[in-house]
């Protein structure tokens, strides 16, 4: 609700005002998505991979929830036939 201006908070404003609201939501989503990607990339870069071989690959799984989970994660991954 903080994204909505006073005159658009109830959703009964003019079409132009609603377009502005949609633009603000889209912009805030893009910013938060990019910040999330950068944060996850920074975490991945902290993983110590010095004992890995050159051909080794790692799969990193993030828990987006605000509580700890210990669920088993199943992943189906297609590996390239040649080294990328």
PDB file of N, CA and C in Angstrom:
ATOM      1  N   UNK A   1       0.814  -1.199   0.000  1.00  0.00           N
ATOM      2  CA  UNK A   1       0.000   0.000   0.000  1.00  0.00           C
ATOM      3  C   UNK A   1       0.857   1.263   0.000  1.00  0.00           C
ATOM      4  N   UNK A   2       2.106   1.152   0.472  1.00  0.00           N
ATOM      5  CA  UNK A   2       2.957   2.341   0.505  1.00  0.00           C
ATOM      6  C   UNK A   2       3.282   2.836  -0.895  1.00  0.00           C
ATOM      7  N   UNK A   3       3.182   1.962  -1.891  1.00  0.00           N
ATOM      8  CA  UNK A   3       3.469   2.351  -3.256  1.00  0.00           C
ATOM      9  C   UNK A   3       2.367   3.228  -3.835  1.00  0.00           C
ATOM     10  N   UNK A   4       1.160   3.097  -3.321  1.00  0.00           N
ATOM     11  CA  UNK A   4       0.037   3.855  -3.861  1.00  0.00           C
ATOM     12  C   UNK A   4       0.031   5.282  -3.332  1.00  0.00           C
ATOM     13  N   UNK A   5      -0.194   6.193  -4.251  1.00  0.00           N
ATOM     14  CA  UNK A   5      -0.363   7.589  -3.837  1.00  0.00           C
ATOM     15  C   UNK A   5      -1.734   7.741  -3.168  1.00  0.00           C
ATOM     16  N   UNK A   6      -1.910   8.796  -2.432  1.00  0.00           N
ATOM     17  CA  UNK A   6      -3.151   9.013  -1.685  1.00  0.00           C
ATOM     18  C   UNK A   6      -4.386   8.909  -2.575  1.00  0.00           C
ATOM     19  N   UNK A   7      -4.328   9.501  -3.762  1.00  0.00           N
ATOM     20  CA  UNK A   7      -5.499   9.529  -4.635  1.00  0.00           C
ATOM     21  C   UNK A   7      -5.737   8.216  -5.373  1.00  0.00           C
ATOM     22  N   UNK A   8      -4.772   7.300  -5.358  1.00  0.00           N
ATOM     23  CA  UNK A   8      -4.957   6.047  -6.092  1.00  0.00           C
ATOM     24  C   UNK A   8      -5.108   4.844  -5.179  1.00  0.00           C
ATOM     25  N   UNK A   9      -5.109   5.051  -3.882  1.00  0.00           N
ATOM     26  CA  UNK A   9      -5.092   3.938  -2.929  1.00  0.00           C
ATOM     27  C   UNK A   9      -6.373   3.098  -2.981  1.00  0.00           C
ATOM     28  N   UNK A  10      -7.477   3.687  -3.356  1.00  0.00           N
ATOM     29  CA  UNK A  10      -8.729   2.920  -3.360  1.00  0.00           C
ATOM     30  C   UNK A  10      -9.004   2.267  -4.710  1.00  0.00           C
ATOM     31  N   UNK A  11      -8.185   2.545  -5.714  1.00  0.00           N
ATOM     32  CA  UNK A  11      -8.343   1.907  -7.011  1.00  0.00           C
ATOM     33  C   UNK A  11      -9.484   2.450  -7.851  1.00  0.00           C
ATOM     34  N   UNK A  12     -10.010   3.614  -7.531  1.00  0.00           N
ATOM     35  CA  UNK A  12     -11.123   4.168  -8.307  1.00  0.00           C
ATOM     36  C   UNK A  12     -10.717   5.472  -8.991  1.00  0.00           C
ATOM     37  N   UNK A  13      -9.436   5.583  -9.309  1.00  0.00           N
ATOM     38  CA  UNK A  13      -8.926   6.803  -9.943  1.00  0.00           C
ATOM     39  C   UNK A  13      -9.048   6.705 -11.455  1.00  0.00           C
ATOM     40  N   UNK A  14      -8.586   7.721 -12.120  1.00  0.00           N
ATOM     41  CA  UNK A  14      -8.645   7.764 -13.585  1.00  0.00           C
ATOM     42  C   UNK A  14      -7.710   6.718 -14.181  1.00  0.00           C
ATOM     43  N   UNK A  15      -7.914   6.431 -15.450  1.00  0.00           N
ATOM     44  CA  UNK A  15      -7.065   5.457 -16.143  1.00  0.00           C
ATOM     45  C   UNK A  15      -5.600   5.879 -16.119  1.00  0.00           C
ATOM     46  N   UNK A  16      -5.339   7.151 -16.282  1.00  0.00           N
ATOM     47  CA  UNK A  16      -3.957   7.635 -16.267  1.00  0.00           C
ATOM     48  C   UNK A  16      -3.305   7.414 -14.905  1.00  0.00           C
ATOM     49  N   UNK A  17      -4.065   7.682 -13.855  1.00  0.00           N
ATOM     50  CA  UNK A  17      -3.543   7.463 -12.506  1.00  0.00           C
ATOM     51  C   UNK A  17      -3.243   5.989 -12.294  1.00  0.00           C
ATOM     52  N   UNK A  18      -4.123   5.120 -12.766  1.00  0.00           N
ATOM     53  CA  UNK A  18      -3.909   3.684 -12.605  1.00  0.00           C
ATOM     54  C   UNK A  18      -2.707   3.213 -13.432  1.00  0.00           C
ATOM     55  N   UNK A  19      -2.478   3.811 -14.578  1.00  0.00           N
ATOM     56  CA  UNK A  19      -1.281   3.484 -15.366  1.00  0.00           C
ATOM     57  C   UNK A  19      -0.022   3.879 -14.594  1.00  0.00           C
ATOM     58  N   UNK A  20      -0.081   5.027 -13.919  1.00  0.00           N
ATOM     59  CA  UNK A  20       1.052   5.450 -13.090  1.00  0.00           C
ATOM     60  C   UNK A  20       1.297   4.456 -11.955  1.00  0.00           C
ATOM     61  N   UNK A  21       0.223   3.985 -11.334  1.00  0.00           N
ATOM     62  CA  UNK A  21       0.347   3.006 -10.251  1.00  0.00           C
ATOM     63  C   UNK A  21       0.983   1.730 -10.782  1.00  0.00           C
ATOM     64  N   UNK A  22       0.491   1.247 -11.925  1.00  0.00           N
ATOM     65  CA  UNK A  22       1.059   0.038 -12.525  1.00  0.00           C
ATOM     66  C   UNK A  22       2.542   0.217 -12.833  1.00  0.00           C
ATOM     67  N   UNK A  23       2.900   1.405 -13.330  1.00  0.00           N
ATOM     68  CA  UNK A  23       4.308   1.684 -13.631  1.00  0.00           C
ATOM     69  C   UNK A  23       5.156   1.648 -12.360  1.00  0.00           C
ATOM     70  N   UNK A  24       4.645   2.243 -11.271  1.00  0.00           N
ATOM     71  CA  UNK A  24       5.401   2.221 -10.014  1.00  0.00           C
ATOM     72  C   UNK A  24       5.582   0.792  -9.510  1.00  0.00           C
ATOM     73  N   UNK A  25       4.526  -0.027  -9.601  1.00  0.00           N
ATOM     74  CA  UNK A  25       4.652  -1.425  -9.174  1.00  0.00           C
ATOM     75  C   UNK A  25       5.650  -2.181 -10.046  1.00  0.00           C
ATOM     76  N   UNK A  26       5.604  -1.974 -11.345  1.00  0.00           N
ATOM     77  CA  UNK A  26       6.534  -2.645 -12.245  1.00  0.00           C
ATOM     78  C   UNK A  26       7.969  -2.229 -11.920  1.00  0.00           C
ATOM     79  N   UNK A  27       8.171  -0.961 -11.705  1.00  0.00           N
ATOM     80  CA  UNK A  27       9.504  -0.444 -11.395  1.00  0.00           C
ATOM     81  C   UNK A  27      10.018  -1.016 -10.065  1.00  0.00           C
ATOM     82  N   UNK A  28       9.165  -1.046  -9.059  1.00  0.00           N
ATOM     83  CA  UNK A  28       9.591  -1.577  -7.761  1.00  0.00           C
ATOM     84  C   UNK A  28       9.874  -3.073  -7.851  1.00  0.00           C
ATOM     85  N   UNK A  29       9.097  -3.800  -8.654  1.00  0.00           N
ATOM     86  CA  UNK A  29       9.347  -5.227  -8.849  1.00  0.00           C
ATOM     87  C   UNK A  29      10.696  -5.448  -9.524  1.00  0.00           C
ATOM     88  N   UNK A  30      11.002  -4.669 -10.551  1.00  0.00           N
ATOM     89  CA  UNK A  30      12.276  -4.800 -11.262  1.00  0.00           C
ATOM     90  C   UNK A  30      13.459  -4.525 -10.333  1.00  0.00           C
ATOM     91  N   UNK A  31      13.336  -3.510  -9.508  1.00  0.00           N
ATOM     92  CA  UNK A  31      14.418  -3.185  -8.562  1.00  0.00           C
ATOM     93  C   UNK A  31      14.598  -4.313  -7.557  1.00  0.00           C
ATOM     94  N   UNK A  32      13.507  -4.803  -6.980  1.00  0.00           N
ATOM     95  CA  UNK A  32      13.622  -5.866  -5.974  1.00  0.00           C
ATOM     96  C   UNK A  32      14.129  -7.161  -6.586  1.00  0.00           C
ATOM     97  N   UNK A  33      13.740  -7.465  -7.812  1.00  0.00           N
ATOM     98  CA  UNK A  33      14.224  -8.673  -8.484  1.00  0.00           C
ATOM     99  C   UNK A  33      15.730  -8.593  -8.699  1.00  0.00           C
ATOM    100  N   UNK A  34      16.203  -7.453  -9.150  1.00  0.00           N
ATOM    101  CA  UNK A  34      17.641  -7.295  -9.401  1.00  0.00           C
ATOM    102  C   UNK A  34      18.437  -7.342  -8.100  1.00  0.00           C
ATOM    103  N   UNK A  35      17.939  -6.716  -7.048  1.00  0.00           N
ATOM    104  CA  UNK A  35      18.624  -6.767  -5.756  1.00  0.00           C
ATOM    105  C   UNK A  35      18.692  -8.200  -5.229  1.00  0.00           C
ATOM    106  N   UNK A  36      17.618  -8.955  -5.421  1.00  0.00           N
ATOM    107  CA  UNK A  36      17.603 -10.353  -4.999  1.00  0.00           C
ATOM    108  C   UNK A  36      18.628 -11.159  -5.782  1.00  0.00           C
ATOM    109  N   UNK A  37      18.684 -10.967  -7.086  1.00  0.00           N
ATOM    110  CA  UNK A  37      19.666 -11.673  -7.920  1.00  0.00           C
ATOM    111  C   UNK A  37      21.090 -11.353  -7.476  1.00  0.00           C
ATOM    112  N   UNK A  38      21.365 -10.091  -7.216  1.00  0.00           N
ATOM    113  CA  UNK A  38      22.711  -9.691  -6.778  1.00  0.00           C
ATOM    114  C   UNK A  38      23.053 -10.302  -5.419  1.00  0.00           C
ATOM    115  N   UNK A  39      22.087 -10.329  -4.510  1.00  0.00           N
ATOM    116  CA  UNK A  39      22.334 -10.906  -3.185  1.00  0.00           C
ATOM    117  C   UNK A  39      22.626 -12.395  -3.293  1.00  0.00           C
ATOM    118  N   UNK A  40      21.860 -13.119  -4.115  1.00  0.00           N
ATOM    119  CA  UNK A  40      22.100 -14.553  -4.287  1.00  0.00           C
ATOM    120  C   UNK A  40      23.452 -14.807  -4.955  1.00  0.00           C
ATOM    121  N   UNK A  41      23.794 -13.986  -5.922  1.00  0.00           N
ATOM    122  CA  UNK A  41      25.094 -14.113  -6.582  1.00  0.00           C
ATOM    123  C   UNK A  41      26.232 -13.891  -5.586  1.00  0.00           C
ATOM    124  N   UNK A  42      26.095 -12.914  -4.716  1.00  0.00           N
ATOM    125  CA  UNK A  42      27.117 -12.657  -3.697  1.00  0.00           C
ATOM    126  C   UNK A  42      27.262 -13.841  -2.747  1.00  0.00           C
ATOM    127  N   UNK A  43      26.148 -14.458  -2.373  1.00  0.00           N
ATOM    128  CA  UNK A  43      26.194 -15.630  -1.496  1.00  0.00           C
ATOM    129  C   UNK A  43      26.896 -16.784  -2.205  1.00  0.00           C
ATOM    130  N   UNK A  44      26.554 -17.023  -3.449  1.00  0.00           N
ATOM    131  CA  UNK A  44      27.184 -18.108  -4.214  1.00  0.00           C
ATOM    132  C   UNK A  44      28.684 -17.878  -4.331  1.00  0.00           C
ATOM    133  N   UNK A  45      29.086 -16.652  -4.524  1.00  0.00           N
ATOM    134  CA  UNK A  45      30.518 -16.347  -4.653  1.00  0.00           C
ATOM    135  C   UNK A  45      31.295 -16.597  -3.365  1.00  0.00           C
ATOM    136  N   UNK A  46      30.601 -16.708  -2.241  1.00  0.00           N
ATOM    137  CA  UNK A  46      31.257 -16.994  -0.966  1.00  0.00           C
ATOM    138  C   UNK A  46      31.494 -18.485  -0.733  1.00  0.00           C
ATOM    139  N   UNK A  47      30.939 -19.337  -1.591  1.00  0.00           N
ATOM    140  CA  UNK A  47      31.091 -20.785  -1.436  1.00  0.00           C
ATOM    141  C   UNK A  47      32.522 -21.172  -1.780  1.00  0.00           C
ATOM    142  N   UNK A  48      33.150 -21.874  -0.861  1.00  0.00           N
ATOM    143  CA  UNK A  48      34.536 -22.317  -1.052  1.00  0.00           C
ATOM    144  C   UNK A  48      34.545 -23.524  -1.983  1.00  0.00           C
ATOM    145  N   UNK A  49      35.046 -23.342  -3.189  1.00  0.00           N
ATOM    146  CA  UNK A  49      35.084 -24.417  -4.175  1.00  0.00           C
ATOM    147  C   UNK A  49      36.513 -24.824  -4.507  1.00  0.00           C
ATOM    148  N   UNK A  50      37.447 -24.537  -3.615  1.00  0.00           N
ATOM    149  CA  UNK A  50      38.852 -24.821  -3.902  1.00  0.00           C
ATOM    150  C   UNK A  50      39.138 -26.313  -4.037  1.00  0.00           C
ATOM    151  N   UNK A  51      38.326 -27.164  -3.407  1.00  0.00           N
ATOM    152  CA  UNK A  51      38.535 -28.608  -3.499  1.00  0.00           C
ATOM    153  C   UNK A  51      37.800 -29.239  -4.681  1.00  0.00           C
ATOM    154  N   UNK A  52      37.101 -28.425  -5.466  1.00  0.00           N
ATOM    155  CA  UNK A  52      36.383 -28.937  -6.625  1.00  0.00           C
ATOM    156  C   UNK A  52      37.343 -29.077  -7.803  1.00  0.00           C
ATOM    157  N   UNK A  53      37.061 -30.021  -8.655  1.00  0.00           N
ATOM    158  CA  UNK A  53      37.809 -30.180  -9.905  1.00  0.00           C
ATOM    159  C   UNK A  53      37.259 -29.192 -10.931  1.00  0.00           C
ATOM    160  N   UNK A  54      38.034 -28.928 -11.971  1.00  0.00           N
ATOM    161  CA  UNK A  54      37.596 -27.988 -13.006  1.00  0.00           C
ATOM    162  C   UNK A  54      36.275 -28.400 -13.649  1.00  0.00           C
ATOM    163  N   UNK A  55      36.058 -29.704 -13.796  1.00  0.00           N
ATOM    164  CA  UNK A  55      34.845 -30.176 -14.464  1.00  0.00           C
ATOM    165  C   UNK A  55      33.653 -30.309 -13.510  1.00  0.00           C
ATOM    166  N   UNK A  56      33.855 -30.092 -12.228  1.00  0.00           N
ATOM    167  CA  UNK A  56      32.768 -30.178 -11.252  1.00  0.00           C
ATOM    168  C   UNK A  56      31.796 -29.017 -11.417  1.00  0.00           C
ATOM    169  N   UNK A  57      30.551 -29.308 -11.105  1.00  0.00           N
ATOM    170  CA  UNK A  57      29.506 -28.282 -11.125  1.00  0.00           C
ATOM    171  C   UNK A  57      28.804 -28.304  -9.776  1.00  0.00           C
ATOM    172  N   UNK A  58      28.264 -27.184  -9.397  1.00  0.00           N
ATOM    173  CA  UNK A  58      27.551 -27.095  -8.119  1.00  0.00           C
ATOM    174  C   UNK A  58      26.127 -26.623  -8.370  1.00  0.00           C
ATOM    175  N   UNK A  59      25.225 -27.135  -7.568  1.00  0.00           N
ATOM    176  CA  UNK A  59      23.839 -26.696  -7.592  1.00  0.00           C
ATOM    177  C   UNK A  59      23.570 -26.043  -6.241  1.00  0.00           C
ATOM    178  N   UNK A  60      23.185 -24.789  -6.259  1.00  0.00           N
ATOM    179  CA  UNK A  60      22.905 -24.058  -5.031  1.00  0.00           C
ATOM    180  C   UNK A  60      21.400 -23.831  -4.955  1.00  0.00           C
ATOM    181  N   UNK A  61      20.824 -24.163  -3.803  1.00  0.00           N
ATOM    182  CA  UNK A  61      19.387 -24.019  -3.596  1.00  0.00           C
ATOM    183  C   UNK A  61      19.159 -22.979  -2.514  1.00  0.00           C
ATOM    184  N   UNK A  62      18.280 -22.034  -2.793  1.00  0.00           N
ATOM    185  CA  UNK A  62      17.953 -20.985  -1.837  1.00  0.00           C
ATOM    186  C   UNK A  62      16.576 -21.228  -1.254  1.00  0.00           C
ATOM    187  N   UNK A  63      16.431 -20.959   0.025  1.00  0.00           N
ATOM    188  CA  UNK A  63      15.147 -21.014   0.702  1.00  0.00           C
ATOM    189  C   UNK A  63      14.619 -19.574   0.784  1.00  0.00           C
ATOM    190  N   UNK A  64      13.572 -19.247   0.034  1.00  0.00           N
ATOM    191  CA  UNK A  64      13.059 -17.873   0.048  1.00  0.00           C
ATOM    192  C   UNK A  64      12.183 -17.553   1.256  1.00  0.00           C
ATOM    193  N   UNK A  65      11.920 -18.553   2.079  1.00  0.00           N
ATOM    194  CA  UNK A  65      11.058 -18.332   3.240  1.00  0.00           C
ATOM    195  C   UNK A  65      11.854 -17.772   4.407  1.00  0.00           C
ATOM    196  N   UNK A  66      11.178 -17.237   5.375  1.00  0.00           N
ATOM    197  CA  UNK A  66      11.870 -16.635   6.515  1.00  0.00           C
ATOM    198  C   UNK A  66      11.988 -17.602   7.688  1.00  0.00           C
ATOM    199  N   UNK A  67      11.922 -18.912   7.410  1.00  0.00           N
ATOM    200  CA  UNK A  67      12.170 -19.919   8.438  1.00  0.00           C
ATOM    201  C   UNK A  67      13.004 -21.039   7.840  1.00  0.00           C
ATOM    202  N   UNK A  68      13.706 -21.717   8.714  1.00  0.00           N
ATOM    203  CA  UNK A  68      14.595 -22.793   8.290  1.00  0.00           C
ATOM    204  C   UNK A  68      13.782 -23.976   7.787  1.00  0.00           C
ATOM    205  N   UNK A  69      14.294 -24.606   6.752  1.00  0.00           N
ATOM    206  CA  UNK A  69      13.654 -25.816   6.201  1.00  0.00           C
ATOM    207  C   UNK A  69      14.702 -26.895   6.041  1.00  0.00           C
ATOM    208  N   UNK A  70      14.279 -28.111   6.146  1.00  0.00           N
ATOM    209  CA  UNK A  70      15.177 -29.244   5.954  1.00  0.00           C
ATOM    210  C   UNK A  70      14.590 -30.232   4.942  1.00  0.00           C
ATOM    211  N   UNK A  71      13.777 -29.723   4.055  1.00  0.00           N
ATOM    212  CA  UNK A  71      13.151 -30.555   3.038  1.00  0.00           C
ATOM    213  C   UNK A  71      14.191 -31.076   2.055  1.00  0.00           C
ATOM    214  N   UNK A  72      13.895 -32.210   1.458  1.00  0.00           N
ATOM    215  CA  UNK A  72      14.734 -32.743   0.394  1.00  0.00           C
ATOM    216  C   UNK A  72      14.334 -32.041  -0.897  1.00  0.00           C
ATOM    217  N   UNK A  73      15.321 -31.615  -1.646  1.00  0.00           N
ATOM    218  CA  UNK A  73      15.070 -30.930  -2.909  1.00  0.00           C
ATOM    219  C   UNK A  73      15.377 -31.896  -4.043  1.00  0.00           C
ATOM    220  N   UNK A  74      14.419 -32.062  -4.936  1.00  0.00           N
ATOM    221  CA  UNK A  74      14.642 -32.881  -6.121  1.00  0.00           C
ATOM    222  C   UNK A  74      14.843 -31.942  -7.297  1.00  0.00           C
ATOM    223  N   UNK A  75      15.847 -32.250  -8.106  1.00  0.00           N
ATOM    224  CA  UNK A  75      16.120 -31.416  -9.274  1.00  0.00           C
ATOM    225  C   UNK A  75      16.450 -32.310 -10.454  1.00  0.00           C
ATOM    226  N   UNK A  76      15.925 -31.967 -11.588  1.00  0.00           N
ATOM    227  CA  UNK A  76      16.242 -32.651 -12.832  1.00  0.00           C
ATOM    228  C   UNK A  76      17.049 -31.683 -13.677  1.00  0.00           C
ATOM    229  N   UNK A  77      18.282 -32.060 -13.920  1.00  0.00           N
ATOM    230  CA  UNK A  77      19.200 -31.146 -14.585  1.00  0.00           C
ATOM    231  C   UNK A  77      19.734 -31.790 -15.858  1.00  0.00           C
ATOM    232  N   UNK A  78      19.686 -31.053 -16.935  1.00  0.00           N
ATOM    233  CA  UNK A  78      20.295 -31.519 -18.180  1.00  0.00           C
ATOM    234  C   UNK A  78      21.676 -30.905 -18.271  1.00  0.00           C
ATOM    235  N   UNK A  79      22.675 -31.761 -18.282  1.00  0.00           N
ATOM    236  CA  UNK A  79      24.049 -31.286 -18.381  1.00  0.00           C
ATOM    237  C   UNK A  79      24.458 -31.201 -19.833  1.00  0.00           C
ATOM    238  N   UNK A  80      25.245 -30.212 -20.171  1.00  0.00           N
ATOM    239  CA  UNK A  80      25.704 -30.109 -21.562  1.00  0.00           C
ATOM    240  C   UNK A  80      26.629 -31.280 -21.888  1.00  0.00           C
ATOM    241  N   UNK A  81      26.583 -31.694 -23.139  1.00  0.00           N
ATOM    242  CA  UNK A  81      27.437 -32.810 -23.544  1.00  0.00           C
ATOM    243  C   UNK A  81      28.898 -32.380 -23.634  1.00  0.00           C
ATOM    244  N   UNK A  82      29.128 -31.099 -23.862  1.00  0.00           N
ATOM    245  CA  UNK A  82      30.480 -30.552 -23.898  1.00  0.00           C
ATOM    246  C   UNK A  82      30.632 -29.553 -22.776  1.00  0.00           C
ATOM    247  N   UNK A  83      31.852 -29.377 -22.341  1.00  0.00           N
ATOM    248  CA  UNK A  83      32.120 -28.373 -21.300  1.00  0.00           C
ATOM    249  C   UNK A  83      31.839 -26.992 -21.862  1.00  0.00           C
ATOM    250  N   UNK A  84      31.118 -26.189 -21.114  1.00  0.00           N
ATOM    251  CA  UNK A  84      30.760 -24.848 -21.563  1.00  0.00           C
ATOM    252  C   UNK A  84      31.899 -23.895 -21.401  1.00  0.00           C
TER     253      UNK A  84
END
